[in-house]
């Protein structure tokens, strides 16, 4: 499987089982390394991109892009000032 085909929260099946017996993993990080979380025991591992591509046997389901869908803009309607999660002011000023 090619790296470009992976997205956050995708569920994948690896070729060899984890020591807990689980073979299904959820993608939790994309970048130079691929972060995977075991669906059975919750263990998180980081694999180099090339190794993750070799180990992935099957794509089980596509994850929803929760970060982009649930994120709201820092600037409200007509450029009004809103506060971000950190309490900093954004917008005109």
PDB file of N, CA and C in Angstrom:
ATOM      1  N   UNK A   1       0.847  -1.175   0.000  1.00  0.00           N
ATOM      2  CA  UNK A   1       0.000   0.000   0.000  1.00  0.00           C
ATOM      3  C   UNK A   1       0.889   1.234   0.000  1.00  0.00           C
ATOM      4  N   UNK A   2       0.534   2.200  -0.769  1.00  0.00           N
ATOM      5  CA  UNK A   2       1.302   3.429  -0.853  1.00  0.00           C
ATOM      6  C   UNK A   2       0.960   4.359   0.306  1.00  0.00           C
ATOM      7  N   UNK A   3       1.966   5.109   0.745  1.00  0.00           N
ATOM      8  CA  UNK A   3       1.804   6.039   1.855  1.00  0.00           C
ATOM      9  C   UNK A   3       0.720   7.077   1.557  1.00  0.00           C
ATOM     10  N   UNK A   4       0.655   7.554   0.318  1.00  0.00           N
ATOM     11  CA  UNK A   4      -0.303   8.594  -0.038  1.00  0.00           C
ATOM     12  C   UNK A   4      -1.746   8.119   0.149  1.00  0.00           C
ATOM     13  N   UNK A   5      -1.975   6.818   0.194  1.00  0.00           N
ATOM     14  CA  UNK A   5      -3.320   6.286   0.363  1.00  0.00           C
ATOM     15  C   UNK A   5      -3.790   6.323   1.815  1.00  0.00           C
ATOM     16  N   UNK A   6      -2.889   6.552   2.763  1.00  0.00           N
ATOM     17  CA  UNK A   6      -3.252   6.543   4.174  1.00  0.00           C
ATOM     18  C   UNK A   6      -3.767   7.900   4.615  1.00  0.00           C
ATOM     19  N   UNK A   7      -4.718   7.879   5.535  1.00  0.00           N
ATOM     20  CA  UNK A   7      -5.233   9.101   6.143  1.00  0.00           C
ATOM     21  C   UNK A   7      -5.418   8.884   7.629  1.00  0.00           C
ATOM     22  N   UNK A   8      -5.590   9.960   8.371  1.00  0.00           N
ATOM     23  CA  UNK A   8      -5.804   9.834   9.805  1.00  0.00           C
ATOM     24  C   UNK A   8      -7.076   9.057  10.094  1.00  0.00           C
ATOM     25  N   UNK A   9      -7.029   8.248  11.117  1.00  0.00           N
ATOM     26  CA  UNK A   9      -8.141   7.415  11.588  1.00  0.00           C
ATOM     27  C   UNK A   9      -8.526   6.298  10.634  1.00  0.00           C
ATOM     28  N   UNK A  10      -7.710   6.032   9.608  1.00  0.00           N
ATOM     29  CA  UNK A  10      -7.950   4.868   8.764  1.00  0.00           C
ATOM     30  C   UNK A  10      -7.690   3.612   9.586  1.00  0.00           C
ATOM     31  N   UNK A  11      -8.459   2.571   9.342  1.00  0.00           N
ATOM     32  CA  UNK A  11      -8.226   1.280   9.983  1.00  0.00           C
ATOM     33  C   UNK A  11      -7.542   0.370   8.986  1.00  0.00           C
ATOM     34  N   UNK A  12      -6.427  -0.247   9.393  1.00  0.00           N
ATOM     35  CA  UNK A  12      -5.658  -1.119   8.516  1.00  0.00           C
ATOM     36  C   UNK A  12      -5.397  -2.452   9.205  1.00  0.00           C
ATOM     37  N   UNK A  13      -5.134  -3.470   8.403  1.00  0.00           N
ATOM     38  CA  UNK A  13      -4.762  -4.792   8.918  1.00  0.00           C
ATOM     39  C   UNK A  13      -3.318  -5.037   8.518  1.00  0.00           C
ATOM     40  N   UNK A  14      -2.485  -5.412   9.510  1.00  0.00           N
ATOM     41  CA  UNK A  14      -1.080  -5.696   9.243  1.00  0.00           C
ATOM     42  C   UNK A  14      -0.889  -7.176   8.958  1.00  0.00           C
ATOM     43  N   UNK A  15       0.241  -7.494   8.353  1.00  0.00           N
ATOM     44  CA  UNK A  15       0.530  -8.876   7.954  1.00  0.00           C
ATOM     45  C   UNK A  15       0.738  -9.806   9.154  1.00  0.00           C
ATOM     46  N   UNK A  16       1.452  -9.344  10.161  1.00  0.00           N
ATOM     47  CA  UNK A  16       1.711 -10.178  11.336  1.00  0.00           C
ATOM     48  C   UNK A  16       0.914  -9.654  12.522  1.00  0.00           C
ATOM     49  N   UNK A  17       0.409 -10.542  13.381  1.00  0.00           N
ATOM     50  CA  UNK A  17      -0.358 -10.074  14.542  1.00  0.00           C
ATOM     51  C   UNK A  17       0.539  -9.432  15.596  1.00  0.00           C
ATOM     52  N   UNK A  18      -0.043  -8.533  16.360  1.00  0.00           N
ATOM     53  CA  UNK A  18       0.611  -7.930  17.513  1.00  0.00           C
ATOM     54  C   UNK A  18       0.690  -9.000  18.605  1.00  0.00           C
ATOM     55  N   UNK A  19       1.628  -8.928  19.541  1.00  0.00           N
ATOM     56  CA  UNK A  19       1.701  -9.937  20.615  1.00  0.00           C
ATOM     57  C   UNK A  19       0.403 -10.120  21.403  1.00  0.00           C
ATOM     58  N   UNK A  20      -0.457  -9.097  21.437  1.00  0.00           N
ATOM     59  CA  UNK A  20      -1.742  -9.240  22.141  1.00  0.00           C
ATOM     60  C   UNK A  20      -2.731 -10.071  21.326  1.00  0.00           C
ATOM     61  N   UNK A  21      -2.408 -10.334  20.057  1.00  0.00           N
ATOM     62  CA  UNK A  21      -3.276 -11.115  19.195  1.00  0.00           C
ATOM     63  C   UNK A  21      -4.037 -10.288  18.173  1.00  0.00           C
ATOM     64  N   UNK A  22      -3.997  -8.964  18.296  1.00  0.00           N
ATOM     65  CA  UNK A  22      -4.718  -8.088  17.369  1.00  0.00           C
ATOM     66  C   UNK A  22      -3.963  -7.885  16.065  1.00  0.00           C
ATOM     67  N   UNK A  23      -4.706  -7.779  14.972  1.00  0.00           N
ATOM     68  CA  UNK A  23      -4.084  -7.499  13.678  1.00  0.00           C
ATOM     69  C   UNK A  23      -4.597  -6.188  13.090  1.00  0.00           C
ATOM     70  N   UNK A  24      -5.603  -5.580  13.724  1.00  0.00           N
ATOM     71  CA  UNK A  24      -6.201  -4.354  13.207  1.00  0.00           C
ATOM     72  C   UNK A  24      -5.654  -3.146  13.958  1.00  0.00           C
ATOM     73  N   UNK A  25      -5.303  -2.104  13.197  1.00  0.00           N
ATOM     74  CA  UNK A  25      -4.681  -0.905  13.750  1.00  0.00           C
ATOM     75  C   UNK A  25      -5.364   0.335  13.210  1.00  0.00           C
ATOM     76  N   UNK A  26      -5.293   1.441  13.947  1.00  0.00           N
ATOM     77  CA  UNK A  26      -5.828   2.735  13.517  1.00  0.00           C
ATOM     78  C   UNK A  26      -4.652   3.696  13.323  1.00  0.00           C
ATOM     79  N   UNK A  27      -4.661   4.430  12.205  1.00  0.00           N
ATOM     80  CA  UNK A  27      -3.609   5.402  11.910  1.00  0.00           C
ATOM     81  C   UNK A  27      -3.858   6.642  12.770  1.00  0.00           C
ATOM     82  N   UNK A  28      -2.874   7.000  13.608  1.00  0.00           N
ATOM     83  CA  UNK A  28      -3.026   8.137  14.507  1.00  0.00           C
ATOM     84  C   UNK A  28      -2.033   9.250  14.213  1.00  0.00           C
ATOM     85  N   UNK A  29      -1.058   9.003  13.332  1.00  0.00           N
ATOM     86  CA  UNK A  29      -0.062  10.024  13.010  1.00  0.00           C
ATOM     87  C   UNK A  29       0.453   9.790  11.604  1.00  0.00           C
ATOM     88  N   UNK A  30       0.585  10.879  10.845  1.00  0.00           N
ATOM     89  CA  UNK A  30       1.167  10.823   9.510  1.00  0.00           C
ATOM     90  C   UNK A  30       2.334  11.790   9.467  1.00  0.00           C
ATOM     91  N   UNK A  31       3.365  11.415   8.762  1.00  0.00           N
ATOM     92  CA  UNK A  31       4.546  12.263   8.638  1.00  0.00           C
ATOM     93  C   UNK A  31       5.706  11.403   8.212  1.00  0.00           C
ATOM     94  N   UNK A  32       6.888  11.712   8.739  1.00  0.00           N
ATOM     95  CA  UNK A  32       8.061  10.904   8.421  1.00  0.00           C
ATOM     96  C   UNK A  32       7.867   9.476   8.926  1.00  0.00           C
ATOM     97  N   UNK A  33       7.186   9.355  10.056  1.00  0.00           N
ATOM     98  CA  UNK A  33       6.823   8.053  10.610  1.00  0.00           C
ATOM     99  C   UNK A  33       5.305   7.938  10.609  1.00  0.00           C
ATOM    100  N   UNK A  34       4.826   6.711  10.551  1.00  0.00           N
ATOM    101  CA  UNK A  34       3.391   6.449  10.620  1.00  0.00           C
ATOM    102  C   UNK A  34       3.084   5.954  12.028  1.00  0.00           C
ATOM    103  N   UNK A  35       2.170   6.630  12.713  1.00  0.00           N
ATOM    104  CA  UNK A  35       1.756   6.218  14.046  1.00  0.00           C
ATOM    105  C   UNK A  35       0.544   5.308  13.947  1.00  0.00           C
ATOM    106  N   UNK A  36       0.624   4.156  14.609  1.00  0.00           N
ATOM    107  CA  UNK A  36      -0.474   3.194  14.603  1.00  0.00           C
ATOM    108  C   UNK A  36      -0.871   2.870  16.036  1.00  0.00           C
ATOM    109  N   UNK A  37      -2.174   2.654  16.255  1.00  0.00           N
ATOM    110  CA  UNK A  37      -2.678   2.272  17.571  1.00  0.00           C
ATOM    111  C   UNK A  37      -3.407   0.951  17.432  1.00  0.00           C
ATOM    112  N   UNK A  38      -3.024  -0.031  18.235  1.00  0.00           N
ATOM    113  CA  UNK A  38      -3.655  -1.351  18.191  1.00  0.00           C
ATOM    114  C   UNK A  38      -5.109  -1.224  18.641  1.00  0.00           C
ATOM    115  N   UNK A  39      -6.010  -1.773  17.847  1.00  0.00           N
ATOM    116  CA  UNK A  39      -7.438  -1.705  18.165  1.00  0.00           C
ATOM    117  C   UNK A  39      -7.805  -2.597  19.357  1.00  0.00           C
ATOM    118  N   UNK A  40      -6.991  -3.589  19.634  1.00  0.00           N
ATOM    119  CA  UNK A  40      -7.318  -4.537  20.704  1.00  0.00           C
ATOM    120  C   UNK A  40      -6.795  -4.087  22.067  1.00  0.00           C
ATOM    121  N   UNK A  41      -5.508  -3.713  22.137  1.00  0.00           N
ATOM    122  CA  UNK A  41      -4.921  -3.386  23.441  1.00  0.00           C
ATOM    123  C   UNK A  41      -4.621  -1.897  23.620  1.00  0.00           C
ATOM    124  N   UNK A  42      -4.657  -1.100  22.531  1.00  0.00           N
ATOM    125  CA  UNK A  42      -4.420   0.330  22.646  1.00  0.00           C
ATOM    126  C   UNK A  42      -2.968   0.750  22.562  1.00  0.00           C
ATOM    127  N   UNK A  43      -2.069  -0.179  22.361  1.00  0.00           N
ATOM    128  CA  UNK A  43      -0.638   0.130  22.250  1.00  0.00           C
ATOM    129  C   UNK A  43      -0.389   0.989  21.022  1.00  0.00           C
ATOM    130  N   UNK A  44       0.472   2.016  21.162  1.00  0.00           N
ATOM    131  CA  UNK A  44       0.820   2.884  20.045  1.00  0.00           C
ATOM    132  C   UNK A  44       2.250   2.610  19.617  1.00  0.00           C
ATOM    133  N   UNK A  45       2.459   2.540  18.307  1.00  0.00           N
ATOM    134  CA  UNK A  45       3.800   2.326  17.758  1.00  0.00           C
ATOM    135  C   UNK A  45       4.045   3.324  16.629  1.00  0.00           C
ATOM    136  N   UNK A  46       5.309   3.640  16.402  1.00  0.00           N
ATOM    137  CA  UNK A  46       5.725   4.472  15.275  1.00  0.00           C
ATOM    138  C   UNK A  46       6.554   3.610  14.343  1.00  0.00           C
ATOM    139  N   UNK A  47       6.171   3.583  13.082  1.00  0.00           N
ATOM    140  CA  UNK A  47       6.917   2.828  12.080  1.00  0.00           C
ATOM    141  C   UNK A  47       7.404   3.787  11.002  1.00  0.00           C
ATOM    142  N   UNK A  48       8.627   3.594  10.528  1.00  0.00           N
ATOM    143  CA  UNK A  48       9.051   4.385   9.369  1.00  0.00           C
ATOM    144  C   UNK A  48       8.088   4.147   8.216  1.00  0.00           C
ATOM    145  N   UNK A  49       7.917   5.152   7.394  1.00  0.00           N
ATOM    146  CA  UNK A  49       6.959   5.105   6.290  1.00  0.00           C
ATOM    147  C   UNK A  49       7.158   3.867   5.422  1.00  0.00           C
ATOM    148  N   UNK A  50       8.398   3.549   5.057  1.00  0.00           N
ATOM    149  CA  UNK A  50       8.668   2.406   4.176  1.00  0.00           C
ATOM    150  C   UNK A  50       8.284   1.081   4.838  1.00  0.00           C
ATOM    151  N   UNK A  51       8.527   0.968   6.141  1.00  0.00           N
ATOM    152  CA  UNK A  51       8.186  -0.263   6.853  1.00  0.00           C
ATOM    153  C   UNK A  51       6.670  -0.413   6.987  1.00  0.00           C
ATOM    154  N   UNK A  52       5.975   0.689   7.252  1.00  0.00           N
ATOM    155  CA  UNK A  52       4.515   0.634   7.358  1.00  0.00           C
ATOM    156  C   UNK A  52       3.902   0.196   6.028  1.00  0.00           C
ATOM    157  N   UNK A  53       4.437   0.712   4.907  1.00  0.00           N
ATOM    158  CA  UNK A  53       3.927   0.317   3.589  1.00  0.00           C
ATOM    159  C   UNK A  53       4.085  -1.180   3.356  1.00  0.00           C
ATOM    160  N   UNK A  54       5.187  -1.739   3.805  1.00  0.00           N
ATOM    161  CA  UNK A  54       5.419  -3.182   3.627  1.00  0.00           C
ATOM    162  C   UNK A  54       4.503  -4.014   4.516  1.00  0.00           C
ATOM    163  N   UNK A  55       4.271  -3.550   5.747  1.00  0.00           N
ATOM    164  CA  UNK A  55       3.518  -4.350   6.713  1.00  0.00           C
ATOM    165  C   UNK A  55       2.008  -4.314   6.517  1.00  0.00           C
ATOM    166  N   UNK A  56       1.483  -3.265   5.892  1.00  0.00           N
ATOM    167  CA  UNK A  56       0.039  -3.156   5.724  1.00  0.00           C
ATOM    168  C   UNK A  56      -0.441  -4.151   4.680  1.00  0.00           C
ATOM    169  N   UNK A  57      -1.387  -4.972   5.108  1.00  0.00           N
ATOM    170  CA  UNK A  57      -1.935  -6.013   4.238  1.00  0.00           C
ATOM    171  C   UNK A  57      -3.227  -5.548   3.576  1.00  0.00           C
ATOM    172  N   UNK A  58      -4.063  -4.820   4.318  1.00  0.00           N
ATOM    173  CA  UNK A  58      -5.396  -4.491   3.836  1.00  0.00           C
ATOM    174  C   UNK A  58      -5.902  -3.210   4.502  1.00  0.00           C
ATOM    175  N   UNK A  59      -6.647  -2.410   3.746  1.00  0.00           N
ATOM    176  CA  UNK A  59      -7.323  -1.241   4.287  1.00  0.00           C
ATOM    177  C   UNK A  59      -8.728  -1.688   4.706  1.00  0.00           C
ATOM    178  N   UNK A  60      -9.047  -1.555   5.996  1.00  0.00           N
ATOM    179  CA  UNK A  60     -10.346  -2.005   6.498  1.00  0.00           C
ATOM    180  C   UNK A  60     -11.419  -0.935   6.329  1.00  0.00           C
ATOM    181  N   UNK A  61     -11.091   0.297   6.700  1.00  0.00           N
ATOM    182  CA  UNK A  61     -12.053   1.392   6.534  1.00  0.00           C
ATOM    183  C   UNK A  61     -11.324   2.720   6.522  1.00  0.00           C
ATOM    184  N   UNK A  62     -11.920   3.679   5.864  1.00  0.00           N
ATOM    185  CA  UNK A  62     -11.388   5.039   5.827  1.00  0.00           C
ATOM    186  C   UNK A  62     -11.874   5.776   7.052  1.00  0.00           C
ATOM    187  N   UNK A  63     -10.971   6.518   7.687  1.00  0.00           N
ATOM    188  CA  UNK A  63     -11.350   7.311   8.848  1.00  0.00           C
ATOM    189  C   UNK A  63     -11.975   8.610   8.420  1.00  0.00           C
ATOM    190  N   UNK A  64     -12.752   9.194   9.304  1.00  0.00           N
ATOM    191  CA  UNK A  64     -13.310  10.502   9.026  1.00  0.00           C
ATOM    192  C   UNK A  64     -12.284  11.532   9.431  1.00  0.00           C
ATOM    193  N   UNK A  65     -12.209  12.621   8.723  1.00  0.00           N
ATOM    194  CA  UNK A  65     -11.246  13.674   9.026  1.00  0.00           C
ATOM    195  C   UNK A  65     -11.851  14.586  10.080  1.00  0.00           C
ATOM    196  N   UNK A  66     -11.828  14.137  11.340  1.00  0.00           N
ATOM    197  CA  UNK A  66     -12.479  14.856  12.428  1.00  0.00           C
ATOM    198  C   UNK A  66     -11.859  16.219  12.669  1.00  0.00           C
ATOM    199  N   UNK A  67     -10.551  16.349  12.511  1.00  0.00           N
ATOM    200  CA  UNK A  67      -9.877  17.612  12.762  1.00  0.00           C
ATOM    201  C   UNK A  67     -10.339  18.701  11.822  1.00  0.00           C
ATOM    202  N   UNK A  68     -10.475  18.415  10.539  1.00  0.00           N
ATOM    203  CA  UNK A  68     -10.876  19.436   9.570  1.00  0.00           C
ATOM    204  C   UNK A  68     -12.368  19.711   9.643  1.00  0.00           C
ATOM    205  N   UNK A  69     -13.172  18.688   9.874  1.00  0.00           N
ATOM    206  CA  UNK A  69     -14.619  18.868   9.888  1.00  0.00           C
ATOM    207  C   UNK A  69     -15.075  19.581  11.157  1.00  0.00           C
ATOM    208  N   UNK A  70     -14.440  19.313  12.283  1.00  0.00           N
ATOM    209  CA  UNK A  70     -14.876  19.893  13.545  1.00  0.00           C
ATOM    210  C   UNK A  70     -14.206  21.204  13.882  1.00  0.00           C
ATOM    211  N   UNK A  71     -13.199  21.614  13.125  1.00  0.00           N
ATOM    212  CA  UNK A  71     -12.481  22.839  13.427  1.00  0.00           C
ATOM    213  C   UNK A  71     -13.278  24.044  12.968  1.00  0.00           C
ATOM    214  N   UNK A  72     -13.230  25.089  13.759  1.00  0.00           N
ATOM    215  CA  UNK A  72     -13.896  26.319  13.362  1.00  0.00           C
ATOM    216  C   UNK A  72     -12.853  27.386  13.115  1.00  0.00           C
ATOM    217  N   UNK A  73     -13.204  28.368  12.355  1.00  0.00           N
ATOM    218  CA  UNK A  73     -12.301  29.453  12.011  1.00  0.00           C
ATOM    219  C   UNK A  73     -12.069  30.332  13.225  1.00  0.00           C
ATOM    220  N   UNK A  74     -10.859  30.891  13.350  1.00  0.00           N
ATOM    221  CA  UNK A  74     -10.563  31.810  14.444  1.00  0.00           C
ATOM    222  C   UNK A  74     -11.232  33.160  14.235  1.00  0.00           C
ATOM    223  N   UNK A  75     -11.476  33.539  12.992  1.00  0.00           N
ATOM    224  CA  UNK A  75     -12.099  34.825  12.700  1.00  0.00           C
ATOM    225  C   UNK A  75     -13.561  34.574  12.364  1.00  0.00           C
ATOM    226  N   UNK A  76     -14.446  35.195  13.129  1.00  0.00           N
ATOM    227  CA  UNK A  76     -15.874  35.007  12.914  1.00  0.00           C
ATOM    228  C   UNK A  76     -16.378  35.856  11.758  1.00  0.00           C
ATOM    229  N   UNK A  77     -17.664  36.007  11.659  1.00  0.00           N
ATOM    230  CA  UNK A  77     -18.290  36.771  10.585  1.00  0.00           C
ATOM    231  C   UNK A  77     -17.852  38.226  10.653  1.00  0.00           C
ATOM    232  N   UNK A  78     -17.602  38.816   9.515  1.00  0.00           N
ATOM    233  CA  UNK A  78     -17.232  40.224   9.360  1.00  0.00           C
ATOM    234  C   UNK A  78     -15.958  40.572  10.124  1.00  0.00           C
ATOM    235  N   UNK A  79     -15.068  39.610  10.315  1.00  0.00           N
ATOM    236  CA  UNK A  79     -13.768  39.876  10.924  1.00  0.00           C
ATOM    237  C   UNK A  79     -13.815  40.134  12.415  1.00  0.00           C
ATOM    238  N   UNK A  80     -14.849  39.695  13.105  1.00  0.00           N
ATOM    239  CA  UNK A  80     -14.925  39.919  14.539  1.00  0.00           C
ATOM    240  C   UNK A  80     -13.852  39.112  15.253  1.00  0.00           C
ATOM    241  N   UNK A  81     -13.478  39.583  16.421  1.00  0.00           N
ATOM    242  CA  UNK A  81     -12.412  38.942  17.182  1.00  0.00           C
ATOM    243  C   UNK A  81     -12.984  37.772  17.958  1.00  0.00           C
ATOM    244  N   UNK A  82     -12.322  36.638  17.859  1.00  0.00           N
ATOM    245  CA  UNK A  82     -12.713  35.461  18.635  1.00  0.00           C
ATOM    246  C   UNK A  82     -11.502  34.991  19.419  1.00  0.00           C
ATOM    247  N   UNK A  83     -11.726  34.146  20.375  1.00  0.00           N
ATOM    248  CA  UNK A  83     -10.622  33.605  21.164  1.00  0.00           C
ATOM    249  C   UNK A  83     -10.401  32.151  20.791  1.00  0.00           C
ATOM    250  N   UNK A  84      -9.120  31.779  20.701  1.00  0.00           N
ATOM    251  CA  UNK A  84      -8.785  30.390  20.406  1.00  0.00           C
ATOM    252  C   UNK A  84      -8.787  29.614  21.714  1.00  0.00           C
ATOM    253  N   UNK A  85      -8.499  28.316  21.619  1.00  0.00           N
ATOM    254  CA  UNK A  85      -8.503  27.449  22.806  1.00  0.00           C
ATOM    255  C   UNK A  85      -7.485  27.911  23.841  1.00  0.00           C
ATOM    256  N   UNK A  86      -6.396  28.543  23.406  1.00  0.00           N
ATOM    257  CA  UNK A  86      -5.358  29.000  24.323  1.00  0.00           C
ATOM    258  C   UNK A  86      -5.669  30.335  24.971  1.00  0.00           C
ATOM    259  N   UNK A  87      -6.790  30.973  24.613  1.00  0.00           N
ATOM    260  CA  UNK A  87      -7.165  32.233  25.204  1.00  0.00           C
ATOM    261  C   UNK A  87      -6.572  33.447  24.489  1.00  0.00           C
ATOM    262  N   UNK A  88      -5.816  33.238  23.419  1.00  0.00           N
ATOM    263  CA  UNK A  88      -5.218  34.346  22.678  1.00  0.00           C
ATOM    264  C   UNK A  88      -6.255  34.987  21.776  1.00  0.00           C
ATOM    265  N   UNK A  89      -6.105  36.275  21.551  1.00  0.00           N
ATOM    266  CA  UNK A  89      -7.033  36.990  20.676  1.00  0.00           C
ATOM    267  C   UNK A  89      -6.585  36.893  19.240  1.00  0.00           C
ATOM    268  N   UNK A  90      -7.535  36.716  18.341  1.00  0.00           N
ATOM    269  CA  UNK A  90      -7.270  36.670  16.915  1.00  0.00           C
ATOM    270  C   UNK A  90      -8.254  37.580  16.213  1.00  0.00           C
ATOM    271  N   UNK A  91      -7.881  38.033  15.046  1.00  0.00           N
ATOM    272  CA  UNK A  91      -8.784  38.861  14.253  1.00  0.00           C
ATOM    273  C   UNK A  91      -8.222  40.248  14.081  1.00  0.00           C
ATOM    274  N   UNK A  92      -9.113  41.221  13.946  1.00  0.00           N
ATOM    275  CA  UNK A  92      -8.666  42.593  13.739  1.00  0.00           C
ATOM    276  C   UNK A  92      -8.138  43.156  15.046  1.00  0.00           C
ATOM    277  N   UNK A  93      -7.153  43.995  14.935  1.00  0.00           N
ATOM    278  CA  UNK A  93      -6.713  44.581  16.181  1.00  0.00           C
ATOM    279  C   UNK A  93      -5.459  45.216  16.107  1.00  0.00           C
TER     280      UNK A  93
END
